[in-house]
Amino acid sequence: MTSWQIVRLVAGTFILLSLALGIPGSPIFVSQWWLAFTAFVGANLLQSSLTRWCLMENIMRKLGAKSGC
């Protein structure tokens, strides 16, 4: 996997998990404060699309993930 694929995989996983933990109807509901984490991940995705810079992608590259186009 390339670094950008890993970033999107992790972001998608974090969003789905935080929604499951933050929505009251979910069987694994913990607290509605988990929705703030969803917003944080979404804001970071928005920021990276506008600036073309993503800290997590840089970290993945330093850990050995291939750079992708």
PDB file of N, CA and C in Angstrom:
ATOM      1  N   MET A   1       0.832  -1.182   0.000  1.00  0.00           N
ATOM      2  CA  MET A   1       0.000   0.000   0.000  1.00  0.00           C
ATOM      3  C   MET A   1       0.879   1.249   0.000  1.00  0.00           C
ATOM      4  N   THR A   2       0.391   2.278  -0.640  1.00  0.00           N
ATOM      5  CA  THR A   2       1.121   3.537  -0.646  1.00  0.00           C
ATOM      6  C   THR A   2       0.702   4.382   0.565  1.00  0.00           C
ATOM      7  N   SER A   3       1.474   5.420   0.834  1.00  0.00           N
ATOM      8  CA  SER A   3       1.222   6.244   2.023  1.00  0.00           C
ATOM      9  C   SER A   3      -0.159   6.885   1.981  1.00  0.00           C
ATOM     10  N   TRP A   4      -0.602   7.355   0.813  1.00  0.00           N
ATOM     11  CA  TRP A   4      -1.913   8.012   0.767  1.00  0.00           C
ATOM     12  C   TRP A   4      -3.041   7.001   0.958  1.00  0.00           C
ATOM     13  N   GLN A   5      -2.844   5.759   0.525  1.00  0.00           N
ATOM     14  CA  GLN A   5      -3.861   4.736   0.744  1.00  0.00           C
ATOM     15  C   GLN A   5      -3.974   4.397   2.232  1.00  0.00           C
ATOM     16  N   ILE A   6      -2.848   4.332   2.917  1.00  0.00           N
ATOM     17  CA  ILE A   6      -2.852   4.050   4.353  1.00  0.00           C
ATOM     18  C   ILE A   6      -3.552   5.166   5.113  1.00  0.00           C
ATOM     19  N   VAL A   7      -3.265   6.415   4.740  1.00  0.00           N
ATOM     20  CA  VAL A   7      -3.893   7.563   5.405  1.00  0.00           C
ATOM     21  C   VAL A   7      -5.406   7.496   5.253  1.00  0.00           C
ATOM     22  N   ARG A   8      -5.886   7.217   4.073  1.00  0.00           N
ATOM     23  CA  ARG A   8      -7.331   7.158   3.847  1.00  0.00           C
ATOM     24  C   ARG A   8      -7.967   5.960   4.544  1.00  0.00           C
ATOM     25  N   LEU A   9      -7.252   4.847   4.600  1.00  0.00           N
ATOM     26  CA  LEU A   9      -7.747   3.674   5.324  1.00  0.00           C
ATOM     27  C   LEU A   9      -7.896   3.981   6.809  1.00  0.00           C
ATOM     28  N   VAL A  10      -6.875   4.599   7.389  1.00  0.00           N
ATOM     29  CA  VAL A  10      -6.913   4.934   8.818  1.00  0.00           C
ATOM     30  C   VAL A  10      -7.990   5.976   9.097  1.00  0.00           C
ATOM     31  N   ALA A  11      -8.087   7.000   8.239  1.00  0.00           N
ATOM     32  CA  ALA A  11      -9.099   8.042   8.433  1.00  0.00           C
ATOM     33  C   ALA A  11     -10.508   7.455   8.367  1.00  0.00           C
ATOM     34  N   GLY A  12     -10.769   6.617   7.384  1.00  0.00           N
ATOM     35  CA  GLY A  12     -12.076   5.979   7.273  1.00  0.00           C
ATOM     36  C   GLY A  12     -12.408   5.102   8.467  1.00  0.00           C
ATOM     37  N   THR A  13     -11.408   4.362   8.933  1.00  0.00           N
ATOM     38  CA  THR A  13     -11.599   3.512  10.112  1.00  0.00           C
ATOM     39  C   THR A  13     -11.902   4.354  11.346  1.00  0.00           C
ATOM     40  N   PHE A  14     -11.136   5.441  11.533  1.00  0.00           N
ATOM     41  CA  PHE A  14     -11.373   6.326  12.680  1.00  0.00           C
ATOM     42  C   PHE A  14     -12.763   6.950  12.634  1.00  0.00           C
ATOM     43  N   ILE A  15     -13.191   7.372  11.457  1.00  0.00           N
ATOM     44  CA  ILE A  15     -14.517   7.992  11.341  1.00  0.00           C
ATOM     45  C   ILE A  15     -15.612   6.994  11.678  1.00  0.00           C
ATOM     46  N   LEU A  16     -15.544   5.799  11.100  1.00  0.00           N
ATOM     47  CA  LEU A  16     -16.578   4.795  11.377  1.00  0.00           C
ATOM     48  C   LEU A  16     -16.585   4.368  12.843  1.00  0.00           C
ATOM     49  N   LEU A  17     -15.403   4.193  13.419  1.00  0.00           N
ATOM     50  CA  LEU A  17     -15.325   3.793  14.818  1.00  0.00           C
ATOM     51  C   LEU A  17     -15.857   4.891  15.742  1.00  0.00           C
ATOM     52  N   SER A  18     -15.464   6.140  15.481  1.00  0.00           N
ATOM     53  CA  SER A  18     -15.928   7.221  16.356  1.00  0.00           C
ATOM     54  C   SER A  18     -17.426   7.456  16.209  1.00  0.00           C
ATOM     55  N   LEU A  19     -17.978   7.229  15.023  1.00  0.00           N
ATOM     56  CA  LEU A  19     -19.433   7.310  14.870  1.00  0.00           C
ATOM     57  C   LEU A  19     -20.126   6.203  15.666  1.00  0.00           C
ATOM     58  N   ALA A  20     -19.570   4.997  15.593  1.00  0.00           N
ATOM     59  CA  ALA A  20     -20.163   3.883  16.349  1.00  0.00           C
ATOM     60  C   ALA A  20     -20.106   4.138  17.851  1.00  0.00           C
ATOM     61  N   LEU A  21     -19.048   4.791  18.318  1.00  0.00           N
ATOM     62  CA  LEU A  21     -18.921   5.082  19.747  1.00  0.00           C
ATOM     63  C   LEU A  21     -19.700   6.315  20.168  1.00  0.00           C
ATOM     64  N   GLY A  22     -20.089   7.184  19.214  1.00  0.00           N
ATOM     65  CA  GLY A  22     -20.709   8.452  19.566  1.00  0.00           C
ATOM     66  C   GLY A  22     -22.184   8.588  19.286  1.00  0.00           C
ATOM     67  N   ILE A  23     -22.776   7.652  18.533  1.00  0.00           N
ATOM     68  CA  ILE A  23     -24.197   7.745  18.223  1.00  0.00           C
ATOM     69  C   ILE A  23     -24.985   6.917  19.237  1.00  0.00           C
ATOM     70  N   PRO A  24     -25.939   7.546  19.940  1.00  0.00           N
ATOM     71  CA  PRO A  24     -26.666   6.852  21.015  1.00  0.00           C
ATOM     72  C   PRO A  24     -27.341   5.544  20.610  1.00  0.00           C
ATOM     73  N   GLY A  25     -27.759   5.385  19.385  1.00  0.00           N
ATOM     74  CA  GLY A  25     -28.422   4.147  18.965  1.00  0.00           C
ATOM     75  C   GLY A  25     -27.477   2.998  18.692  1.00  0.00           C
ATOM     76  N   SER A  26     -26.180   3.252  18.729  1.00  0.00           N
ATOM     77  CA  SER A  26     -25.192   2.222  18.424  1.00  0.00           C
ATOM     78  C   SER A  26     -25.068   1.218  19.569  1.00  0.00           C
ATOM     79  N   PRO A  27     -24.845  -0.055  19.249  1.00  0.00           N
ATOM     80  CA  PRO A  27     -24.677  -1.055  20.316  1.00  0.00           C
ATOM     81  C   PRO A  27     -23.396  -0.866  21.135  1.00  0.00           C
ATOM     82  N   ILE A  28     -22.440  -0.114  20.621  1.00  0.00           N
ATOM     83  CA  ILE A  28     -21.196   0.113  21.374  1.00  0.00           C
ATOM     84  C   ILE A  28     -21.063   1.586  21.784  1.00  0.00           C
ATOM     85  N   PHE A  29     -22.199   2.272  21.924  1.00  0.00           N
ATOM     86  CA  PHE A  29     -22.196   3.687  22.317  1.00  0.00           C
ATOM     87  C   PHE A  29     -21.468   3.891  23.642  1.00  0.00           C
ATOM     88  N   VAL A  30     -20.616   4.922  23.684  1.00  0.00           N
ATOM     89  CA  VAL A  30     -19.894   5.282  24.900  1.00  0.00           C
ATOM     90  C   VAL A  30     -20.280   6.687  25.333  1.00  0.00           C
ATOM     91  N   SER A  31     -20.074   7.656  24.438  1.00  0.00           N
ATOM     92  CA  SER A  31     -20.354   9.051  24.743  1.00  0.00           C
ATOM     93  C   SER A  31     -20.499   9.832  23.444  1.00  0.00           C
ATOM     94  N   GLN A  32     -21.353  10.862  23.473  1.00  0.00           N
ATOM     95  CA  GLN A  32     -21.502  11.690  22.277  1.00  0.00           C
ATOM     96  C   GLN A  32     -20.250  12.508  21.997  1.00  0.00           C
ATOM     97  N   TRP A  33     -19.344  12.597  22.944  1.00  0.00           N
ATOM     98  CA  TRP A  33     -18.093  13.325  22.732  1.00  0.00           C
ATOM     99  C   TRP A  33     -17.221  12.675  21.673  1.00  0.00           C
ATOM    100  N   TRP A  34     -17.453  11.408  21.346  1.00  0.00           N
ATOM    101  CA  TRP A  34     -16.715  10.757  20.265  1.00  0.00           C
ATOM    102  C   TRP A  34     -16.993  11.422  18.922  1.00  0.00           C
ATOM    103  N   LEU A  35     -18.126  12.107  18.800  1.00  0.00           N
ATOM    104  CA  LEU A  35     -18.430  12.808  17.552  1.00  0.00           C
ATOM    105  C   LEU A  35     -17.462  13.959  17.315  1.00  0.00           C
ATOM    106  N   ALA A  36     -16.872  14.492  18.371  1.00  0.00           N
ATOM    107  CA  ALA A  36     -15.849  15.526  18.215  1.00  0.00           C
ATOM    108  C   ALA A  36     -14.623  14.949  17.507  1.00  0.00           C
ATOM    109  N   PHE A  37     -14.303  13.705  17.768  1.00  0.00           N
ATOM    110  CA  PHE A  37     -13.186  13.051  17.081  1.00  0.00           C
ATOM    111  C   PHE A  37     -13.501  12.888  15.592  1.00  0.00           C
ATOM    112  N   THR A  38     -14.758  12.566  15.279  1.00  0.00           N
ATOM    113  CA  THR A  38     -15.182  12.481  13.889  1.00  0.00           C
ATOM    114  C   THR A  38     -14.963  13.819  13.188  1.00  0.00           C
ATOM    115  N   ALA A  39     -15.359  14.901  13.851  1.00  0.00           N
ATOM    116  CA  ALA A  39     -15.180  16.240  13.289  1.00  0.00           C
ATOM    117  C   ALA A  39     -13.696  16.571  13.111  1.00  0.00           C
ATOM    118  N   PHE A  40     -12.865  16.172  14.049  1.00  0.00           N
ATOM    119  CA  PHE A  40     -11.428  16.410  13.965  1.00  0.00           C
ATOM    120  C   PHE A  40     -10.821  15.712  12.746  1.00  0.00           C
ATOM    121  N   VAL A  41     -11.180  14.458  12.530  1.00  0.00           N
ATOM    122  CA  VAL A  41     -10.661  13.716  11.385  1.00  0.00           C
ATOM    123  C   VAL A  41     -11.151  14.359  10.084  1.00  0.00           C
ATOM    124  N   GLY A  42     -12.429  14.738  10.045  1.00  0.00           N
ATOM    125  CA  GLY A  42     -12.963  15.392   8.859  1.00  0.00           C
ATOM    126  C   GLY A  42     -12.277  16.711   8.571  1.00  0.00           C
ATOM    127  N   ALA A  43     -12.005  17.495   9.612  1.00  0.00           N
ATOM    128  CA  ALA A  43     -11.309  18.772   9.442  1.00  0.00           C
ATOM    129  C   ALA A  43      -9.890  18.554   8.910  1.00  0.00           C
ATOM    130  N   ASN A  44      -9.229  17.523   9.388  1.00  0.00           N
ATOM    131  CA  ASN A  44      -7.884  17.231   8.889  1.00  0.00           C
ATOM    132  C   ASN A  44      -7.908  16.779   7.433  1.00  0.00           C
ATOM    133  N   LEU A  45      -8.914  16.010   7.041  1.00  0.00           N
ATOM    134  CA  LEU A  45      -9.039  15.622   5.637  1.00  0.00           C
ATOM    135  C   LEU A  45      -9.288  16.844   4.760  1.00  0.00           C
ATOM    136  N   LEU A  46     -10.139  17.746   5.229  1.00  0.00           N
ATOM    137  CA  LEU A  46     -10.409  18.980   4.489  1.00  0.00           C
ATOM    138  C   LEU A  46      -9.139  19.817   4.352  1.00  0.00           C
ATOM    139  N   GLN A  47      -8.429  19.992   5.445  1.00  0.00           N
ATOM    140  CA  GLN A  47      -7.184  20.768   5.442  1.00  0.00           C
ATOM    141  C   GLN A  47      -6.169  20.159   4.477  1.00  0.00           C
ATOM    142  N   SER A  48      -6.017  18.850   4.496  1.00  0.00           N
ATOM    143  CA  SER A  48      -5.020  18.224   3.627  1.00  0.00           C
ATOM    144  C   SER A  48      -5.407  18.332   2.157  1.00  0.00           C
ATOM    145  N   SER A  49      -6.696  18.370   1.867  1.00  0.00           N
ATOM    146  CA  SER A  49      -7.106  18.510   0.467  1.00  0.00           C
ATOM    147  C   SER A  49      -6.859  19.923  -0.045  1.00  0.00           C
ATOM    148  N   LEU A  50      -6.935  20.916   0.827  1.00  0.00           N
ATOM    149  CA  LEU A  50      -6.728  22.300   0.417  1.00  0.00           C
ATOM    150  C   LEU A  50      -5.253  22.692   0.371  1.00  0.00           C
ATOM    151  N   THR A  51      -4.459  22.143   1.280  1.00  0.00           N
ATOM    152  CA  THR A  51      -3.051  22.533   1.370  1.00  0.00           C
ATOM    153  C   THR A  51      -2.114  21.542   0.699  1.00  0.00           C
ATOM    154  N   ARG A  52      -2.632  20.365   0.346  1.00  0.00           N
ATOM    155  CA  ARG A  52      -1.828  19.279  -0.235  1.00  0.00           C
ATOM    156  C   ARG A  52      -0.694  18.860   0.704  1.00  0.00           C
ATOM    157  N   TRP A  53      -0.912  18.971   2.017  1.00  0.00           N
ATOM    158  CA  TRP A  53       0.058  18.547   3.019  1.00  0.00           C
ATOM    159  C   TRP A  53      -0.671  17.764   4.103  1.00  0.00           C
ATOM    160  N   CYS A  54      -0.131  16.604   4.451  1.00  0.00           N
ATOM    161  CA  CYS A  54      -0.742  15.755   5.465  1.00  0.00           C
ATOM    162  C   CYS A  54       0.361  15.197   6.367  1.00  0.00           C
ATOM    163  N   LEU A  55       0.298  15.529   7.641  1.00  0.00           N
ATOM    164  CA  LEU A  55       1.307  15.076   8.589  1.00  0.00           C
ATOM    165  C   LEU A  55       1.360  13.554   8.660  1.00  0.00           C
ATOM    166  N   MET A  56       0.205  12.903   8.688  1.00  0.00           N
ATOM    167  CA  MET A  56       0.199  11.448   8.811  1.00  0.00           C
ATOM    168  C   MET A  56       0.843  10.786   7.590  1.00  0.00           C
ATOM    169  N   GLU A  57       0.647  11.371   6.417  1.00  0.00           N
ATOM    170  CA  GLU A  57       1.276  10.813   5.221  1.00  0.00           C
ATOM    171  C   GLU A  57       2.794  10.941   5.306  1.00  0.00           C
ATOM    172  N   ASN A  58       3.277  12.048   5.823  1.00  0.00           N
ATOM    173  CA  ASN A  58       4.719  12.214   6.020  1.00  0.00           C
ATOM    174  C   ASN A  58       5.253  11.180   7.008  1.00  0.00           C
ATOM    175  N   ILE A  59       4.513  10.927   8.066  1.00  0.00           N
ATOM    176  CA  ILE A  59       4.918   9.937   9.064  1.00  0.00           C
ATOM    177  C   ILE A  59       4.951   8.542   8.437  1.00  0.00           C
ATOM    178  N   MET A  60       3.930   8.219   7.631  1.00  0.00           N
ATOM    179  CA  MET A  60       3.892   6.907   6.975  1.00  0.00           C
ATOM    180  C   MET A  60       5.099   6.715   6.046  1.00  0.00           C
ATOM    181  N   ARG A  61       5.482   7.767   5.332  1.00  0.00           N
ATOM    182  CA  ARG A  61       6.645   7.680   4.454  1.00  0.00           C
ATOM    183  C   ARG A  61       7.916   7.429   5.254  1.00  0.00           C
ATOM    184  N   LYS A  62       8.047   8.115   6.406  1.00  0.00           N
ATOM    185  CA  LYS A  62       9.233   7.913   7.243  1.00  0.00           C
ATOM    186  C   LYS A  62       9.270   6.519   7.847  1.00  0.00           C
ATOM    187  N   LEU A  63       8.097   5.911   7.998  1.00  0.00           N
ATOM    188  CA  LEU A  63       8.041   4.547   8.521  1.00  0.00           C
ATOM    189  C   LEU A  63       8.236   3.498   7.425  1.00  0.00           C
ATOM    190  N   GLY A  64       8.407   3.977   6.181  1.00  0.00           N
ATOM    191  CA  GLY A  64       8.750   3.048   5.109  1.00  0.00           C
ATOM    192  C   GLY A  64       7.689   2.798   4.075  1.00  0.00           C
ATOM    193  N   ALA A  65       6.521   3.445   4.189  1.00  0.00           N
ATOM    194  CA  ALA A  65       5.477   3.255   3.176  1.00  0.00           C
ATOM    195  C   ALA A  65       5.913   3.933   1.876  1.00  0.00           C
ATOM    196  N   LYS A  66       5.550   3.328   0.770  1.00  0.00           N
ATOM    197  CA  LYS A  66       5.873   3.905  -0.530  1.00  0.00           C
ATOM    198  C   LYS A  66       5.084   5.181  -0.749  1.00  0.00           C
ATOM    199  N   SER A  67       5.707   6.143  -1.385  1.00  0.00           N
ATOM    200  CA  SER A  67       5.023   7.378  -1.744  1.00  0.00           C
ATOM    201  C   SER A  67       4.130   7.097  -2.943  1.00  0.00           C
ATOM    202  N   GLY A  68       2.919   7.608  -2.907  1.00  0.00           N
ATOM    203  CA  GLY A  68       1.979   7.371  -3.999  1.00  0.00           C
ATOM    204  C   GLY A  68       1.638   8.657  -4.707  1.00  0.00           C
ATOM    205  N   CYS A  69       1.068   8.524  -5.894  1.00  0.00           N
ATOM    206  CA  CYS A  69       0.669   9.705  -6.678  1.00  0.00           C
ATOM    207  C   CYS A  69      -0.784  10.013  -6.467  1.00  0.00           C
TER     208      CYS A  69
END
